[in-house]
Amino acid sequence: MEREFKQVKKAAELSDEQFAALIYGVILASGGSQAQAMAAAGSARMIKNKIITADEKELSALASALDPKITEGILKALREKEGQSG
């Protein structure tokens, strides 16, 4: 879980536009509707702020409340983004 925690924290370092695009893509890829993806992307700043202030326990609780497809989509997108930058 520590690796995933670090990846999620790293995602909060993306620009607002990059983070919104990441969220939008993950929601669509995990079966969400375009309206859901747009709504989530529109909340990107708020989501980033929650990630920045959350500790590992809080992020774990949040992840367990999400659809597993969404959680895996987020982690997959972060791994791919990490591979592009390094």
C-alpha atoms as a PDB file:
ATOM      1  CA  MET A   1       0.000   0.000   0.000  1.00  0.00           C
ATOM      2  CA  GLU A   2       2.912   2.355   0.636  1.00  0.00           C
ATOM      3  CA  ARG A   3       3.864   2.381  -3.067  1.00  0.00           C
ATOM      4  CA  GLU A   4       0.295   3.206  -4.052  1.00  0.00           C
ATOM      5  CA  PHE A   5       0.148   5.898  -1.377  1.00  0.00           C
ATOM      6  CA  LYS A   6       3.270   7.508  -2.824  1.00  0.00           C
ATOM      7  CA  GLN A   7       1.846   7.286  -6.360  1.00  0.00           C
ATOM      8  CA  VAL A   8      -1.377   8.980  -5.324  1.00  0.00           C
ATOM      9  CA  LYS A   9       0.529  11.693  -3.462  1.00  0.00           C
ATOM     10  CA  LYS A  10       2.676  12.164  -6.563  1.00  0.00           C
ATOM     11  CA  ALA A  11      -0.457  12.585  -8.689  1.00  0.00           C
ATOM     12  CA  ALA A  12      -1.381  15.577  -6.552  1.00  0.00           C
ATOM     13  CA  GLU A  13       1.780  17.232  -7.871  1.00  0.00           C
ATOM     14  CA  LEU A  14       0.393  17.259 -11.426  1.00  0.00           C
ATOM     15  CA  SER A  15      -0.920  20.527 -12.776  1.00  0.00           C
ATOM     16  CA  ASP A  16      -4.654  21.042 -12.307  1.00  0.00           C
ATOM     17  CA  GLU A  17      -5.202  20.413 -16.029  1.00  0.00           C
ATOM     18  CA  GLN A  18      -3.169  17.187 -16.016  1.00  0.00           C
ATOM     19  CA  PHE A  19      -4.881  15.967 -12.865  1.00  0.00           C
ATOM     20  CA  ALA A  20      -8.346  16.719 -14.282  1.00  0.00           C
ATOM     21  CA  ALA A  21      -7.437  14.845 -17.477  1.00  0.00           C
ATOM     22  CA  LEU A  22      -6.197  11.891 -15.425  1.00  0.00           C
ATOM     23  CA  ILE A  23      -9.440  11.748 -13.457  1.00  0.00           C
ATOM     24  CA  TYR A  24     -11.558  12.134 -16.586  1.00  0.00           C
ATOM     25  CA  GLY A  25      -9.729   9.305 -18.352  1.00  0.00           C
ATOM     26  CA  VAL A  26      -9.861   6.965 -15.383  1.00  0.00           C
ATOM     27  CA  ILE A  27     -13.597   7.431 -14.870  1.00  0.00           C
ATOM     28  CA  LEU A  28     -14.304   6.752 -18.550  1.00  0.00           C
ATOM     29  CA  ALA A  29     -11.937   3.771 -18.679  1.00  0.00           C
ATOM     30  CA  SER A  30     -13.548   2.222 -15.626  1.00  0.00           C
ATOM     31  CA  GLY A  31     -17.025   2.358 -17.125  1.00  0.00           C
ATOM     32  CA  GLY A  32     -18.252   5.714 -15.890  1.00  0.00           C
ATOM     33  CA  SER A  33     -20.346   7.957 -18.075  1.00  0.00           C
ATOM     34  CA  GLN A  34     -19.048  11.081 -19.750  1.00  0.00           C
ATOM     35  CA  ALA A  35     -21.199  13.148 -17.359  1.00  0.00           C
ATOM     36  CA  GLN A  36     -19.617  11.415 -14.348  1.00  0.00           C
ATOM     37  CA  ALA A  37     -16.141  11.921 -15.784  1.00  0.00           C
ATOM     38  CA  MET A  38     -16.788  15.602 -16.437  1.00  0.00           C
ATOM     39  CA  ALA A  39     -18.192  16.104 -12.948  1.00  0.00           C
ATOM     40  CA  ALA A  40     -15.170  14.417 -11.362  1.00  0.00           C
ATOM     41  CA  ALA A  41     -12.750  16.379 -13.547  1.00  0.00           C
ATOM     42  CA  GLY A  42     -14.555  19.565 -12.535  1.00  0.00           C
ATOM     43  CA  SER A  43     -13.804  18.695  -8.917  1.00  0.00           C
ATOM     44  CA  ALA A  44     -10.124  18.039  -9.611  1.00  0.00           C
ATOM     45  CA  ARG A  45      -8.869  20.925  -7.452  1.00  0.00           C
ATOM     46  CA  MET A  46     -10.909  19.781  -4.460  1.00  0.00           C
ATOM     47  CA  ILE A  47      -9.773  16.171  -4.942  1.00  0.00           C
ATOM     48  CA  LYS A  48      -6.121  17.262  -5.145  1.00  0.00           C
ATOM     49  CA  ASN A  49      -6.486  19.219  -1.905  1.00  0.00           C
ATOM     50  CA  LYS A  50      -7.941  16.164  -0.168  1.00  0.00           C
ATOM     51  CA  ILE A  51      -5.066  14.012  -1.414  1.00  0.00           C
ATOM     52  CA  ILE A  52      -2.463  16.548  -0.321  1.00  0.00           C
ATOM     53  CA  THR A  53      -3.813  16.658   3.232  1.00  0.00           C
ATOM     54  CA  ALA A  54      -4.701  12.962   3.585  1.00  0.00           C
ATOM     55  CA  ASP A  55      -2.523  10.450   5.347  1.00  0.00           C
ATOM     56  CA  GLU A  56      -2.123   6.827   4.258  1.00  0.00           C
ATOM     57  CA  LYS A  57      -4.984   5.623   6.484  1.00  0.00           C
ATOM     58  CA  GLU A  58      -7.404   8.209   5.064  1.00  0.00           C
ATOM     59  CA  LEU A  59      -6.452   7.396   1.467  1.00  0.00           C
ATOM     60  CA  SER A  60      -6.872   3.703   2.183  1.00  0.00           C
ATOM     61  CA  ALA A  61     -10.368   4.316   3.568  1.00  0.00           C
ATOM     62  CA  LEU A  62     -11.251   6.401   0.525  1.00  0.00           C
ATOM     63  CA  ALA A  63      -9.941   3.741  -1.858  1.00  0.00           C
ATOM     64  CA  SER A  64     -11.950   1.019  -0.121  1.00  0.00           C
ATOM     65  CA  ALA A  65     -15.109   3.082  -0.641  1.00  0.00           C
ATOM     66  CA  LEU A  66     -14.519   3.348  -4.399  1.00  0.00           C
ATOM     67  CA  ASP A  67     -15.453   0.856  -7.069  1.00  0.00           C
ATOM     68  CA  PRO A  68     -12.397  -1.446  -7.402  1.00  0.00           C
ATOM     69  CA  LYS A  69     -12.320  -0.759 -11.155  1.00  0.00           C
ATOM     70  CA  ILE A  70     -11.878   2.946 -10.463  1.00  0.00           C
ATOM     71  CA  THR A  71      -9.168   2.350  -7.874  1.00  0.00           C
ATOM     72  CA  GLU A  72      -7.246   0.048 -10.212  1.00  0.00           C
ATOM     73  CA  GLY A  73      -7.715   2.498 -13.082  1.00  0.00           C
ATOM     74  CA  ILE A  74      -6.242   5.307 -11.026  1.00  0.00           C
ATOM     75  CA  LEU A  75      -3.235   3.216  -9.993  1.00  0.00           C
ATOM     76  CA  LYS A  76      -2.706   1.984 -13.558  1.00  0.00           C
ATOM     77  CA  ALA A  77      -2.799   5.533 -14.927  1.00  0.00           C
ATOM     78  CA  LEU A  78      -0.354   6.684 -12.254  1.00  0.00           C
ATOM     79  CA  ARG A  79       2.036   3.813 -13.024  1.00  0.00           C
ATOM     80  CA  GLU A  80       1.903   4.684 -16.728  1.00  0.00           C
ATOM     81  CA  LYS A  81       2.489   8.366 -16.006  1.00  0.00           C
ATOM     82  CA  GLU A  82       5.397   7.462 -13.724  1.00  0.00           C
ATOM     83  CA  GLY A  83       6.905   5.338 -16.512  1.00  0.00           C
ATOM     84  CA  GLN A  84       6.708   8.276 -18.928  1.00  0.00           C
ATOM     85  CA  SER A  85       8.537  10.627 -16.583  1.00  0.00           C
ATOM     86  CA  GLY A  86      11.323   8.312 -15.589  1.00  0.00           C
END
